[in-house]
Structures are given as structure tokens and as C-alpha cells.
Amino acid sequence: MLQSVFKGWNIFKKKEFFFYPLIVSLVYLVYSFFIESYLGNKLVDLTEAMVDVKAIHIFNYSINYFGWELLLILFLWFVGLFIISYLIYIISLSESKYTEEFWYGFSKVLGYAFLMFIVLIAISFLSALFLSYLNVITIILLVILALCLIAISFVFTFGNIYLGLNNLPVSEALAKGWKFTKRRFWLIIAFFIVLVIKLYLIYWIIDQLYYFIFYYNETVSIILRAVILIVYLLISINAIAIFTKKFTRK
């Protein structure tokens, strides 16, 4: 497991392949900065406006607040899911012996991302519904829903890996992701804990070096944020793909 975490850096050794995921991660970088600037102030304003709103009215209030713009927000959410899903797919494909035509892989990931989007919409709707009628029963249901969300996140993540790793269609990839999650659940938890610790240590070291060298510089800070996001995406996804490949065999 530890070996899989540290092998995430191998993504930078895949010279014949590295350019492709780098481009996709740059697209996601532009997307994330756009979303941050577009939604940041809106969410702050919504939170401040809902201070005196009762829990039962939060869901309806949010819909009325955004209006038709909510459709654009949902579309942007789907776009983000697709970009990340496609990045996971192509990095996983680099760990496999298979090759696929661009449009076949693109359409497969598009369908996968749409299915994941529908599931997350359903969970979000249920969460909002439970929050609107907050009591002991709905709090218990929210806890159960949160646990289900963790399991579903694992299934979709590893299913996404199997799309490229084993060249599977969507239904088979999800089935394999579910089996892997059931068999390796606690190992997966341990893996992600170690991975998060590793990423935190990288961030802490870079942060200390940044303040030591530059003290504070806004331009350098923006560039550094962008570089860290790209590095995090590439090494994390590659580590997950290697981890999945290693423990699928056993």
C-alpha cells in the first residue's frame, strides 16, 4: 500500500504519455478558477441571506435565489465531474495494456460522468429534503446517507479506474468497483489516509519554502496554487490507479 502511494510520482516518468493528462489537468485548473470566481461570491451572499431562514425553507429559498441560473450551475457541476472522470480514465489507461480510440473513450467517460451526476443529484436532493425537516429521525437518515455517500464515492472512483485499467464498459466497471470496495474497504480507508498525509506534507514543505523565499507575493502565490493543484491531481490519481492495479491481482 505504501509503495502505491509513493509510486504516484511515476506519472512524471511516462514521457510518451505525460503530455495528455497534463493538458486535461490544465483544463481543470482553468475550470476551477472560473468556478471559484463565479460561484464564490454567490455562495457567500446566499449564506448571509439565509441566516434567518428556517431549515424547512432552505431548499425552496435556494431555488428561488438562483432561479434559472441554477441550471447553469448544475451544468458546470457536470462539466467538472466529466473533466475529473476523463483525467482518471486516461491516467488509468496508462497503467493498462490496452489502447482505445479517442472518441470511444470520450463517449464512455461522458456516459459514466452523467450517471455519477444523476446519483449525486439524487443524494443532494435527499440531503436537502432531510435538512428541510430537521429532527432526530432525519439526522439519523443524514448520517446513513453520509455513510452511503462515502461508499458510493469509492465505487465510482474505482469504477472510473477500471474504465481505463481493464478497458471495461460502464456497467462492468461499476460492478468491479463495487466488488473492489467491498473486498478492500478498510485497506482503501488506510490508503487514502496515508495519501492525504503525504499530500499535506508536500503542501507544508512547499508553503514553508514559499514564505522563506518570497515572504508573500500575490503573483507567485497564484502560480504556486496552480502548480500544486496540477501536481496533486496527477500524483494522486496515478497512485490510486497503481493501488487498484496492485490489489486487484491478489
Protein backbone atom coordinates (compact mmCIF):
# COMPACT_ATOMS: atom_id res chain seq x y z
CA MET A 1 0.00 0.00 0.00
CA LEU A 2 2.73 2.47 0.98
CA GLN A 3 4.58 1.62 -2.22
CA SER A 4 1.48 2.56 -4.25
CA VAL A 5 1.26 5.94 -2.50
CA PHE A 6 4.86 6.85 -3.27
CA LYS A 7 4.75 5.48 -6.81
CA GLY A 8 2.28 8.23 -7.69
CA TRP A 9 5.30 10.31 -8.74
CA ASN A 10 5.87 7.85 -11.61
CA ILE A 11 3.40 9.87 -13.65
CA PHE A 12 6.26 12.26 -14.44
CA LYS A 13 8.34 9.39 -15.87
CA LYS A 14 5.74 8.49 -18.50
CA LYS A 15 7.33 10.78 -21.06
CA GLU A 16 5.44 9.44 -24.08
CA PHE A 17 2.17 9.78 -22.19
CA PHE A 18 2.61 12.64 -19.71
CA PHE A 19 1.58 15.47 -22.07
CA TYR A 20 -2.02 14.23 -22.45
CA PRO A 21 -3.07 14.21 -18.74
CA LEU A 22 -1.13 17.45 -18.26
CA ILE A 23 -3.38 19.17 -20.83
CA VAL A 24 -6.54 17.78 -19.19
CA SER A 25 -5.35 18.87 -15.73
CA LEU A 26 -4.67 22.38 -17.12
CA VAL A 27 -8.23 22.44 -18.45
CA TYR A 28 -9.46 21.50 -14.97
CA LEU A 29 -7.26 24.25 -13.47
CA VAL A 30 -8.91 26.87 -15.69
CA TYR A 31 -12.31 25.40 -14.84
CA SER A 32 -11.67 25.50 -11.06
CA PHE A 33 -10.51 29.12 -11.14
CA PHE A 34 -13.58 30.08 -13.17
CA ILE A 35 -15.91 28.28 -10.78
CA GLU A 36 -14.21 29.88 -7.78
CA SER A 37 -14.64 33.38 -9.19
CA TYR A 38 -18.16 32.72 -10.47
CA LEU A 39 -19.69 30.90 -7.51
CA GLY A 40 -17.57 32.17 -4.61
CA ASN A 41 -19.40 35.46 -4.02
CA LYS A 42 -22.79 33.95 -4.87
CA LEU A 43 -22.47 31.28 -2.19
CA VAL A 44 -21.28 33.82 0.38
CA ASP A 45 -24.26 36.07 -0.40
CA LEU A 46 -26.65 33.11 -0.23
CA THR A 47 -25.26 32.01 3.15
CA GLU A 48 -25.63 35.52 4.56
CA ALA A 49 -29.16 35.82 3.17
CA MET A 50 -30.23 32.54 4.78
CA VAL A 51 -29.15 33.43 8.31
CA ASP A 52 -32.73 33.97 9.45
CA VAL A 53 -34.33 31.39 7.15
CA LYS A 54 -35.82 28.34 8.88
CA ALA A 55 -34.38 24.95 7.96
CA ILE A 56 -37.64 23.82 6.38
CA HIS A 57 -37.44 26.68 3.84
CA ILE A 58 -33.74 26.39 2.91
CA PHE A 59 -34.27 24.19 -0.16
CA ASN A 60 -37.02 26.35 -1.70
CA TYR A 61 -35.16 29.54 -0.80
CA SER A 62 -32.02 28.36 -2.62
CA ILE A 63 -34.02 27.52 -5.77
CA ASN A 64 -35.76 30.91 -5.72
CA TYR A 65 -32.46 32.69 -5.06
CA PHE A 66 -30.68 31.26 -8.12
CA GLY A 67 -33.71 30.88 -10.40
CA TRP A 68 -32.88 29.71 -13.92
CA GLU A 69 -29.20 30.25 -13.17
CA LEU A 70 -29.39 27.02 -11.17
CA LEU A 71 -29.46 25.10 -14.47
CA LEU A 72 -26.16 26.71 -15.46
CA ILE A 73 -24.67 25.81 -12.07
CA LEU A 74 -25.78 22.18 -12.49
CA PHE A 75 -24.29 22.10 -15.99
CA LEU A 76 -20.98 23.45 -14.69
CA TRP A 77 -21.04 20.80 -11.96
CA PHE A 78 -21.45 18.11 -14.61
CA VAL A 79 -18.59 19.59 -16.66
CA GLY A 80 -16.31 19.42 -13.62
CA LEU A 81 -17.26 15.79 -12.97
CA PHE A 82 -16.57 14.92 -16.61
CA ILE A 83 -13.12 16.56 -16.66
CA ILE A 84 -12.03 14.76 -13.48
CA SER A 85 -13.52 11.46 -14.71
CA TYR A 86 -11.69 11.78 -18.01
CA LEU A 87 -8.41 12.59 -16.25
CA ILE A 88 -8.81 9.49 -14.06
CA TYR A 89 -9.63 7.42 -17.14
CA ILE A 90 -6.58 8.42 -19.20
CA ILE A 91 -4.15 8.05 -16.28
CA SER A 92 -5.62 4.59 -15.56
CA LEU A 93 -5.28 3.72 -19.23
CA SER A 94 -1.55 4.46 -18.97
CA GLU A 95 -1.28 1.67 -16.36
CA SER A 96 -3.01 -0.87 -18.61
CA LYS A 97 -2.02 -2.87 -21.67
CA TYR A 98 -4.98 -1.58 -23.65
CA THR A 99 -5.41 1.26 -26.11
CA GLU A 100 -8.67 2.89 -27.13
CA GLU A 101 -9.75 5.28 -29.85
CA PHE A 102 -10.24 8.83 -28.58
CA TRP A 103 -13.94 9.15 -29.34
CA TYR A 104 -14.79 5.76 -27.86
CA GLY A 105 -13.06 6.61 -24.58
CA PHE A 106 -14.52 10.13 -24.60
CA SER A 107 -18.10 8.91 -25.07
CA LYS A 108 -17.65 6.16 -22.48
CA VAL A 109 -16.44 8.63 -19.84
CA LEU A 110 -19.19 11.08 -20.80
CA GLY A 111 -21.84 8.44 -20.03
CA TYR A 112 -20.05 7.49 -16.83
CA ALA A 113 -19.88 11.11 -15.65
CA PHE A 114 -23.56 11.62 -16.45
CA LEU A 115 -24.54 8.56 -14.40
CA MET A 116 -22.43 9.81 -11.49
CA PHE A 117 -24.01 13.26 -11.86
CA ILE A 118 -27.54 11.80 -11.62
CA VAL A 119 -26.63 9.81 -8.49
CA LEU A 120 -25.09 12.88 -6.82
CA ILE A 121 -28.13 14.99 -7.73
CA ALA A 122 -30.38 12.39 -6.08
CA ILE A 123 -28.21 12.36 -2.92
CA SER A 124 -28.14 16.17 -2.83
CA PHE A 125 -31.91 16.31 -3.17
CA LEU A 126 -32.40 13.82 -0.32
CA SER A 127 -29.93 15.73 1.86
CA ALA A 128 -31.74 19.00 1.22
CA LEU A 129 -35.08 17.31 1.94
CA PHE A 130 -33.84 15.90 5.27
CA LEU A 131 -32.31 19.25 6.23
CA SER A 132 -35.62 20.96 5.49
CA TYR A 133 -37.39 18.79 8.11
CA LEU A 134 -34.63 18.57 10.70
CA ASN A 135 -35.42 16.28 13.63
CA VAL A 136 -33.96 13.19 15.30
CA ILE A 137 -35.13 10.83 12.53
CA THR A 138 -33.83 12.99 9.67
CA ILE A 139 -30.49 13.47 11.47
CA ILE A 140 -30.12 9.67 11.65
CA LEU A 141 -31.06 9.45 7.96
CA LEU A 142 -28.48 12.13 7.13
CA VAL A 143 -25.78 10.12 8.92
CA ILE A 144 -26.78 6.98 6.98
CA LEU A 145 -26.81 8.99 3.75
CA ALA A 146 -23.32 10.33 4.51
CA LEU A 147 -22.01 6.79 5.03
CA CYS A 148 -23.67 5.70 1.78
CA LEU A 149 -22.06 8.67 0.02
CA ILE A 150 -18.60 7.52 1.16
CA ALA A 151 -19.23 4.02 -0.22
CA ILE A 152 -20.70 5.42 -3.46
CA SER A 153 -17.69 7.73 -3.87
CA PHE A 154 -15.35 4.75 -3.59
CA VAL A 155 -17.38 2.69 -6.05
CA PHE A 156 -17.43 5.47 -8.64
CA THR A 157 -13.76 6.30 -8.14
CA PHE A 158 -12.55 2.73 -8.59
CA GLY A 159 -15.13 2.09 -11.30
CA ASN A 160 -13.61 5.05 -13.12
CA ILE A 161 -10.16 3.49 -12.70
CA TYR A 162 -11.41 0.20 -14.19
CA LEU A 163 -12.81 2.01 -17.24
CA GLY A 164 -9.23 2.54 -18.37
CA LEU A 165 -7.29 -0.08 -16.44
CA ASN A 166 -9.29 -3.07 -17.71
CA ASN A 167 -10.92 -1.43 -20.73
CA LEU A 168 -14.40 -2.17 -19.38
CA PRO A 169 -17.82 -0.74 -20.32
CA VAL A 170 -19.58 1.44 -17.73
CA SER A 171 -21.77 -1.26 -16.14
CA GLU A 172 -18.92 -3.75 -15.74
CA ALA A 173 -16.56 -1.07 -14.42
CA LEU A 174 -19.07 -0.08 -11.73
CA ALA A 175 -19.64 -3.73 -10.80
CA LYS A 176 -15.89 -4.25 -10.47
CA GLY A 177 -15.57 -1.01 -8.48
CA TRP A 178 -18.25 -2.27 -6.09
CA LYS A 179 -16.50 -5.63 -5.63
CA PHE A 180 -13.15 -3.93 -5.04
CA THR A 181 -14.71 -1.56 -2.48
CA LYS A 182 -16.34 -4.48 -0.59
CA ARG A 183 -13.17 -6.58 -0.56
CA ARG A 184 -10.69 -3.80 0.24
CA PHE A 185 -12.78 -1.26 2.17
CA TRP A 186 -10.52 -0.83 5.21
CA LEU A 187 -7.40 -1.02 3.09
CA ILE A 188 -8.88 1.73 0.92
CA ILE A 189 -9.53 3.87 4.02
CA ALA A 190 -5.92 3.35 5.17
CA PHE A 191 -4.62 4.13 1.68
CA PHE A 192 -6.48 7.42 1.46
CA ILE A 193 -5.38 8.44 4.97
CA VAL A 194 -1.73 7.87 4.03
CA LEU A 195 -2.24 9.64 0.70
CA VAL A 196 -3.77 12.70 2.40
CA ILE A 197 -0.91 12.80 4.93
CA LYS A 198 1.60 12.67 2.07
CA LEU A 199 -0.16 15.50 0.21
CA TYR A 200 -0.32 17.58 3.40
CA LEU A 201 3.42 17.13 3.99
CA ILE A 202 4.15 18.18 0.41
CA TYR A 203 1.98 21.27 0.86
CA TRP A 204 3.60 22.11 4.22
CA ILE A 205 7.12 21.87 2.80
CA ILE A 206 6.26 23.97 -0.25
CA ASP A 207 4.45 26.50 1.93
CA GLN A 208 7.46 26.88 4.25
CA LEU A 209 9.82 27.29 1.31
CA TYR A 210 7.48 29.81 -0.28
CA TYR A 211 7.37 32.08 2.77
CA PHE A 212 11.11 31.65 3.34
CA ILE A 213 12.00 32.65 -0.24
CA PHE A 214 9.24 35.09 -1.23
CA TYR A 215 7.68 36.05 2.14
CA TYR A 216 4.45 36.99 0.34
CA ASN A 217 3.94 37.71 -3.33
CA GLU A 218 0.48 37.56 -4.87
CA THR A 219 1.65 36.58 -8.36
CA VAL A 220 3.91 33.81 -7.06
CA SER A 221 1.08 32.65 -4.77
CA ILE A 222 -1.34 32.24 -7.71
CA ILE A 223 1.26 30.38 -9.79
CA LEU A 224 2.15 28.17 -6.84
CA ARG A 225 -1.51 27.31 -6.22
CA ALA A 226 -1.89 26.31 -9.87
CA VAL A 227 1.23 24.13 -9.84
CA ILE A 228 0.25 22.43 -6.58
CA LEU A 229 -3.26 21.65 -7.89
CA ILE A 230 -1.86 20.06 -11.06
CA VAL A 231 0.78 18.05 -9.17
CA TYR A 232 -1.82 16.90 -6.62
CA LEU A 233 -4.19 15.75 -9.35
CA LEU A 234 -1.57 13.86 -11.33
CA ILE A 235 0.24 12.07 -8.50
CA SER A 236 -2.96 11.28 -6.54
CA ILE A 237 -4.82 9.75 -9.47
CA ASN A 238 -1.74 7.84 -10.59
CA ALA A 239 -1.26 6.49 -7.04
CA ILE A 240 -4.91 5.35 -6.92
CA ALA A 241 -4.54 3.63 -10.31
CA ILE A 242 -1.37 1.83 -9.18
CA PHE A 243 -3.03 0.85 -5.88
CA THR A 244 -6.07 -0.54 -7.70
CA LYS A 245 -3.95 -2.46 -10.21
CA LYS A 246 -1.78 -3.97 -7.46
CA PHE A 247 -4.56 -5.16 -5.17
CA THR A 248 -6.91 -6.32 -7.92
CA ARG A 249 -4.46 -9.07 -8.74
CA LYS A 250 -4.46 -10.54 -5.21
